[in-house]
Structures are given as structure tokens and as C-alpha cells.
Amino acid sequence: MSSHPALLPPLRLAIDGLDDGLLLLLAARTHLARAAGALKAGSGVQGRDAKREAEVLMRGQGLAYRLGMSPQTAHRILRLAIEEGCRAQGLDSDLDQSTVVGGTGIIPAHVSNDVSSPMHGLPVPLLKLVPPPQRLAPLARLIPSVVQARLLEQMMARVLAMPIANGDLDFMADRRIGIEVSDLELRWVVTLRERHLIVVREPAEATVRGSVTDLMLLAGRLEDADTLFFQRRLVLTGDVELGLTARNLLDRLPWETIPLGFRIMLNRGGRFLRGAREAYHGCG
């Protein structure tokens, strides 16, 4: 294949122009966000609007999908733009989470994400004895589907009580989202009816699929959703816009609104499963 080195400088010049345009657009967005913040303050509105932010992220990722662009990349770009707007309004930024103390960030400051931490509860030699989830799949399938459904419904009712009560999940009314635990060969379809999340025997419109370990790491806020989707450890299929809307809203769910017992269970369970997986594969 013949090369055309003479075409490289003008291409780079065009890229530089687009980079400048991106920065100019971000600056303009920040000025508009500052103006919006002044209007909100004048109206007595305080703090961030999680629902509005989720709508912005969902709309942008839906557009990216239609343009053939990575929705995860769009999510990162828009998240940066949102955080810059929050800075302009004098609001706390999620980008400062790593330096926030006192448990105001998504992951409490006292919780370590180091897989070598003794909070796994077992030393590495014992973790190596834990069988991989695939071997437990036959046992998991022995649990009646009705029992599985009721347990999942009870957990969702506790963990998502506040967003359900606030109407943040109303977009799921009669919409169906599937949850597929690939290594345990378990699958549920969830919908919202009369302000209750229930498991139904109907086809899913959108499905999130991943291993039990990665789903627990996501639920316990031990892994970032963008990283899991980018690395294809979690996969979203079907109605991408519906799935991204649900993901973004759950991603913005304040950690402190989840009952303490569930926070401890999700965090320690995710850490244990990650430690067992890495020990089993000889990475621990």
C-alpha cells in the first residue's frame, strides 16, 4: 500500500482545529452552566440535579450509539463536561471523590479497594480453594425460580427504596430490563409496576450481562461501570437507550441512601469474590 506523507500535516492541522473547537465548546457550556447555576440559586434551588445529569448522559450516549461512536467514550466526555459545569457553579464535583473525606464520596474514604486487604476474610491459600462460580451453577439452578425472584425483589425494594419513592425509576414502568449472571447461568427480567420492582416472565427489552463477580463489584462500588463496560466484562444488549438510562441513574445513586447492612454485604461480598477469582487464576 502506497503512503502519502504529504497528507499527514493537513490532517493533523484539521485535528488541531477540532481540538480547539472542543475546548471552545466546553468553555461555552461552562459559561451556560454558570448562568444556569445563578438562575437556580435565585429560585432557591440548591445542589446538583441527579435526574437532569442522568438525562444528559443518556441522551449523549444514545446519540453516540447512532453515530457509531463508543457510548462509554461519550459518557466520559459528558461526565467531564458536567463536572466542569458543577465547578463553575461552586458545587461538589465527583472528580474530587478520591480526596473527599468523611464518606461524602461514592465509596467511603475508609474502604480500601486493595485486593490484598485482609478484609477478604481469608488468606490467599484458602481463597484458592473457593471453586469458580461456573462450578456452582448447577447448585444455583436448584433454587426454585419463584424463590430467586422473591429474594431479588426484596433486595431491590430495600436498596432502591429512595429512588423508587422519588419517582426516579418511573421510566421503567412497564419497561423490561434483563439481568444475566453468565457464569451462574441465572437470568431475571425486571420491570416497575405500581411503584414496585418485580421479576416477570416476559422477554427483556434491554439486558445487562456479566459474571457474578463483576456484577457484585459494580453493585458494591468497587469497580467503575465505564471500566467494566469498556473491558467488555459487562455487556449491554437490546434497547441501548433504555439500558443506559437505568445504568446512569443507578450510577448516580448516592451510596449513603443504601441501608448500611446492604452496603457492607455488597462491599465485602464483591471484595471476597474478586479475591477468590484472582487467587484461583494465580494473580493474588
Protein backbone atom coordinates (compact mmCIF):
# COMPACT_ATOMS: atom_id res chain seq x y z
CA MET A 1 0.00 0.00 0.00
CA SER A 2 1.47 3.37 -1.04
CA SER A 3 1.82 6.06 1.59
CA HIS A 4 1.00 9.74 1.19
CA PRO A 5 3.09 11.54 3.84
CA ALA A 6 2.18 14.90 2.34
CA LEU A 7 -1.41 14.37 3.52
CA LEU A 8 -0.41 13.97 7.18
CA PRO A 9 0.28 17.66 8.03
CA PRO A 10 -3.11 18.95 6.80
CA LEU A 11 -4.87 16.08 8.59
CA ARG A 12 -3.10 16.97 11.81
CA LEU A 13 -3.95 20.62 11.28
CA ALA A 14 -7.61 19.69 10.92
CA ILE A 15 -7.43 17.59 14.09
CA ASP A 16 -5.86 20.52 15.94
CA GLY A 17 -8.72 22.72 14.77
CA LEU A 18 -11.28 20.24 16.04
CA ASP A 19 -9.44 20.01 19.39
CA ASP A 20 -9.62 23.80 19.67
CA GLY A 21 -13.30 23.62 18.80
CA LEU A 22 -13.93 21.05 21.53
CA LEU A 23 -12.30 23.30 24.11
CA LEU A 24 -14.24 26.34 22.89
CA LEU A 25 -17.48 24.40 23.10
CA LEU A 26 -16.61 23.17 26.61
CA ALA A 27 -15.84 26.76 27.67
CA ALA A 28 -19.17 27.93 26.23
CA ARG A 29 -21.00 25.09 28.01
CA THR A 30 -19.31 26.04 31.27
CA HIS A 31 -20.43 29.67 30.90
CA LEU A 32 -24.01 28.50 30.27
CA ALA A 33 -23.82 26.17 33.29
CA ARG A 34 -22.65 29.08 35.44
CA ALA A 35 -25.62 31.14 34.24
CA ALA A 36 -27.98 28.23 34.96
CA GLY A 37 -26.49 27.97 38.44
CA ALA A 38 -27.20 31.65 39.08
CA LEU A 39 -30.81 31.16 37.98
CA LYS A 40 -31.19 28.13 40.25
CA ALA A 41 -29.73 29.99 43.20
CA GLY A 42 -32.12 32.89 42.59
CA SER A 43 -35.01 30.45 42.63
CA GLY A 44 -33.87 28.82 45.87
CA VAL A 45 -32.75 25.58 44.16
CA GLN A 46 -29.68 24.08 45.82
CA GLY A 47 -27.31 21.27 44.92
CA ARG A 48 -26.96 19.04 41.91
CA ASP A 49 -29.82 17.63 39.87
CA ALA A 50 -29.02 13.92 39.54
CA LYS A 51 -32.00 13.24 37.29
CA ARG A 52 -31.02 16.01 34.87
CA GLU A 53 -27.42 14.77 34.76
CA ALA A 54 -28.59 11.23 34.04
CA GLU A 55 -30.78 12.51 31.20
CA VAL A 56 -27.82 14.39 29.67
CA LEU A 57 -25.62 11.30 29.85
CA MET A 58 -28.32 9.02 28.45
CA ARG A 59 -29.12 11.37 25.54
CA GLY A 60 -25.44 11.74 24.68
CA GLN A 61 -24.75 8.01 24.78
CA GLY A 62 -27.81 7.32 22.67
CA LEU A 63 -26.52 9.78 20.06
CA ALA A 64 -23.04 8.25 20.21
CA TYR A 65 -24.51 4.80 19.58
CA ARG A 66 -26.37 6.08 16.50
CA LEU A 67 -23.19 7.76 15.22
CA GLY A 68 -21.16 4.57 15.60
CA MET A 69 -19.15 6.06 18.47
CA SER A 70 -18.42 4.30 21.75
CA PRO A 71 -21.19 5.16 24.26
CA GLN A 72 -18.61 4.72 27.04
CA THR A 73 -16.41 7.39 25.46
CA ALA A 74 -19.39 9.72 25.17
CA HIS A 75 -20.22 9.03 28.82
CA ARG A 76 -16.70 10.00 29.93
CA ILE A 77 -16.66 13.20 27.85
CA LEU A 78 -20.08 14.33 29.07
CA ARG A 79 -19.25 13.42 32.67
CA LEU A 80 -16.18 15.69 32.44
CA ALA A 81 -18.32 18.47 30.97
CA ILE A 82 -20.90 18.07 33.75
CA GLU A 83 -18.24 18.15 36.46
CA GLU A 84 -16.69 21.27 34.93
CA GLY A 85 -20.13 22.91 34.97
CA CYS A 86 -20.52 21.93 38.63
CA ARG A 87 -17.17 23.52 39.45
CA ALA A 88 -18.34 26.71 37.75
CA GLN A 89 -21.45 26.68 39.96
CA GLY A 90 -19.42 26.09 43.11
CA LEU A 91 -20.87 22.60 43.59
CA ASP A 92 -19.03 19.49 44.72
CA SER A 93 -17.53 17.52 41.87
CA ASP A 94 -17.45 13.73 41.64
CA LEU A 95 -13.97 14.08 40.18
CA ASP A 96 -12.83 15.09 43.66
CA GLN A 97 -14.04 11.82 45.22
CA SER A 98 -10.58 10.48 45.87
CA THR A 99 -9.75 13.46 48.09
CA VAL A 100 -13.08 13.73 49.89
CA VAL A 101 -13.16 12.53 53.47
CA GLY A 102 -15.99 11.80 55.78
CA GLY A 103 -17.87 9.44 53.48
CA THR A 104 -19.32 12.07 51.12
CA GLY A 105 -17.99 10.37 48.00
CA ILE A 106 -19.47 7.32 46.32
CA ILE A 107 -17.03 4.98 48.07
CA PRO A 108 -16.40 5.79 51.75
CA ALA A 109 -12.86 7.01 52.38
CA HIS A 110 -12.19 4.26 54.94
CA VAL A 111 -12.90 1.45 52.48
CA SER A 112 -9.83 0.17 50.67
CA ASN A 113 -10.08 -1.34 47.18
CA ASP A 114 -6.80 -3.24 47.51
CA VAL A 115 -7.42 -6.92 46.75
CA SER A 116 -4.63 -7.92 49.09
CA SER A 117 -6.50 -6.40 52.04
CA PRO A 118 -7.34 -8.82 54.88
CA MET A 119 -10.98 -7.73 54.54
CA HIS A 120 -11.35 -10.66 52.16
CA GLY A 121 -11.64 -12.56 55.41
CA LEU A 122 -9.48 -15.45 54.16
CA PRO A 123 -5.78 -15.70 53.28
CA VAL A 124 -4.85 -16.37 49.66
CA PRO A 125 -4.19 -20.14 50.12
CA LEU A 126 -7.74 -20.59 51.38
CA LEU A 127 -9.18 -18.31 48.71
CA LYS A 128 -7.65 -20.65 46.13
CA LEU A 129 -9.87 -23.42 47.50
CA VAL A 130 -13.03 -21.46 46.67
CA PRO A 131 -14.48 -23.03 43.48
CA PRO A 132 -15.11 -20.73 40.49
CA PRO A 133 -18.76 -19.70 40.11
CA GLN A 134 -19.19 -21.87 37.00
CA ARG A 135 -18.92 -24.97 39.18
CA LEU A 136 -21.68 -23.64 41.42
CA ALA A 137 -24.11 -23.06 38.54
CA PRO A 138 -25.86 -26.46 38.94
CA LEU A 139 -26.45 -25.72 42.64
CA ALA A 140 -27.75 -22.21 41.89
CA ARG A 141 -30.25 -23.67 39.41
CA LEU A 142 -31.64 -25.92 42.15
CA ILE A 143 -33.11 -22.85 43.86
CA PRO A 144 -36.71 -22.53 42.57
CA SER A 145 -37.18 -19.60 40.23
CA VAL A 146 -40.01 -18.29 42.41
CA VAL A 147 -37.66 -18.13 45.41
CA GLN A 148 -34.96 -16.43 43.32
CA ALA A 149 -37.47 -13.85 42.14
CA ARG A 150 -38.75 -13.05 45.63
CA LEU A 151 -35.24 -12.67 47.04
CA LEU A 152 -34.27 -10.33 44.20
CA GLU A 153 -37.46 -8.29 44.61
CA GLN A 154 -36.86 -7.90 48.35
CA MET A 155 -33.27 -6.80 47.83
CA MET A 156 -34.24 -4.25 45.15
CA ALA A 157 -37.01 -2.89 47.35
CA ARG A 158 -34.51 -2.23 50.14
CA VAL A 159 -31.59 -0.93 48.07
CA LEU A 160 -33.67 1.24 45.71
CA ALA A 161 -36.34 2.40 48.16
CA MET A 162 -35.44 6.09 47.86
CA PRO A 163 -35.21 6.43 44.04
CA ILE A 164 -38.45 4.43 43.72
CA ALA A 165 -40.21 6.72 46.21
CA ASN A 166 -38.82 9.82 44.47
CA GLY A 167 -40.07 8.63 41.08
CA ASP A 168 -36.55 8.40 39.63
CA LEU A 169 -37.29 4.92 38.28
CA ASP A 170 -40.66 5.79 36.75
CA PHE A 171 -39.10 5.48 33.29
CA MET A 172 -39.07 1.70 33.93
CA ALA A 173 -42.85 1.50 34.24
CA ASP A 174 -43.84 -1.45 32.04
CA ARG A 175 -40.32 -1.49 30.54
CA ARG A 176 -38.34 -4.69 30.94
CA ILE A 177 -34.64 -4.91 31.81
CA GLY A 178 -32.86 -8.25 31.98
CA ILE A 179 -30.09 -9.15 34.43
CA GLU A 180 -27.98 -12.10 33.30
CA VAL A 181 -25.37 -13.72 35.57
CA SER A 182 -23.41 -15.54 32.90
CA ASP A 183 -21.23 -17.85 35.00
CA LEU A 184 -24.10 -18.94 37.27
CA GLU A 185 -26.44 -19.30 34.27
CA LEU A 186 -29.10 -17.20 36.03
CA ARG A 187 -31.35 -14.66 34.35
CA TRP A 188 -34.16 -12.39 35.51
CA VAL A 189 -36.30 -9.76 33.83
CA VAL A 190 -37.29 -6.80 35.98
CA THR A 191 -39.97 -4.14 35.49
CA LEU A 192 -41.64 -1.41 37.55
CA ARG A 193 -45.35 -1.77 38.31
CA GLU A 194 -47.28 0.32 40.82
CA ARG A 195 -44.01 1.65 42.26
CA HIS A 196 -42.66 -1.86 42.87
CA LEU A 197 -39.77 -3.54 41.04
CA ILE A 198 -40.86 -7.08 40.24
CA VAL A 199 -39.48 -10.05 38.33
CA VAL A 200 -41.60 -11.06 35.33
CA ARG A 201 -41.67 -13.94 32.87
CA GLU A 202 -41.53 -11.73 29.79
CA PRO A 203 -38.80 -11.00 27.22
CA ALA A 204 -36.35 -8.25 28.15
CA GLU A 205 -36.08 -5.07 26.11
CA ALA A 206 -32.51 -4.49 27.30
CA THR A 207 -30.17 -6.88 29.10
CA VAL A 208 -27.05 -6.40 31.21
CA ARG A 209 -24.85 -9.49 31.22
CA GLY A 210 -21.77 -10.21 33.32
CA SER A 211 -20.18 -12.60 35.79
CA VAL A 212 -21.38 -12.70 39.38
CA THR A 213 -18.04 -11.22 40.48
CA ASP A 214 -18.19 -8.23 38.13
CA LEU A 215 -21.86 -7.57 38.91
CA MET A 216 -21.04 -7.62 42.63
CA LEU A 217 -18.07 -5.31 42.11
CA LEU A 218 -20.37 -2.89 40.30
CA ALA A 219 -23.09 -3.11 42.95
CA GLY A 220 -20.55 -2.63 45.74
CA ARG A 221 -19.00 0.43 44.01
CA LEU A 222 -15.65 -1.36 43.87
CA GLU A 223 -15.38 -1.07 40.08
CA ASP A 224 -16.42 1.76 37.80
CA ALA A 225 -19.23 0.97 35.36
CA ASP A 226 -17.35 2.62 32.49
CA THR A 227 -14.34 0.37 33.07
CA LEU A 228 -16.44 -2.79 33.24
CA PHE A 229 -18.31 -1.98 30.02
CA PHE A 230 -15.19 -0.76 28.22
CA GLN A 231 -13.37 -4.00 29.06
CA ARG A 232 -16.44 -5.98 27.96
CA ARG A 233 -16.71 -7.56 31.41
CA LEU A 234 -20.27 -6.25 31.38
CA VAL A 235 -22.26 -6.25 28.15
CA LEU A 236 -25.42 -4.29 27.35
CA THR A 237 -27.67 -5.65 24.59
CA GLY A 238 -31.11 -4.82 23.23
CA ASP A 239 -32.55 -1.33 23.73
CA VAL A 240 -29.30 0.50 24.46
CA GLU A 241 -31.03 3.78 25.35
CA LEU A 242 -33.20 2.08 27.99
CA GLY A 243 -30.24 0.21 29.43
CA LEU A 244 -28.08 3.32 29.60
CA THR A 245 -30.84 5.29 31.29
CA ALA A 246 -31.10 2.66 34.03
CA ARG A 247 -27.34 2.39 34.36
CA ASN A 248 -26.80 6.13 34.63
CA LEU A 249 -29.47 6.60 37.26
CA LEU A 250 -28.13 3.74 39.35
CA ASP A 251 -24.59 5.06 38.86
CA ARG A 252 -25.72 8.37 40.39
CA LEU A 253 -27.47 6.69 43.31
CA PRO A 254 -25.98 8.19 46.49
CA TRP A 255 -24.15 5.41 48.31
CA GLU A 256 -25.37 6.65 51.68
CA THR A 257 -29.03 6.07 50.71
CA ILE A 258 -28.43 2.31 50.63
CA PRO A 259 -29.04 0.66 54.03
CA LEU A 260 -25.78 0.14 55.90
CA GLY A 261 -26.22 -3.64 56.10
CA PHE A 262 -26.53 -3.91 52.32
CA ARG A 263 -23.54 -1.61 51.80
CA ILE A 264 -21.41 -3.87 53.98
CA MET A 265 -22.73 -7.02 52.29
CA LEU A 266 -22.16 -5.69 48.75
CA ASN A 267 -18.73 -4.29 49.52
CA ARG A 268 -17.38 -7.31 51.37
CA GLY A 269 -19.06 -9.77 49.02
CA GLY A 270 -17.53 -8.06 45.99
CA ARG A 271 -14.09 -7.97 47.60
CA PHE A 272 -14.30 -11.65 48.56
CA LEU A 273 -15.34 -12.73 45.05
CA ARG A 274 -12.62 -10.62 43.43
CA GLY A 275 -10.01 -12.04 45.80
CA ALA A 276 -11.18 -15.59 45.12
CA ARG A 277 -11.10 -15.04 41.36
CA GLU A 278 -7.59 -13.61 41.40
CA ALA A 279 -6.32 -16.27 43.79
CA TYR A 280 -7.82 -19.01 41.61
CA HIS A 281 -6.15 -17.60 38.48
CA GLY A 282 -2.86 -17.20 40.31
CA CYS A 283 -2.98 -13.40 40.33
CA GLY A 284 -3.37 -12.92 44.05
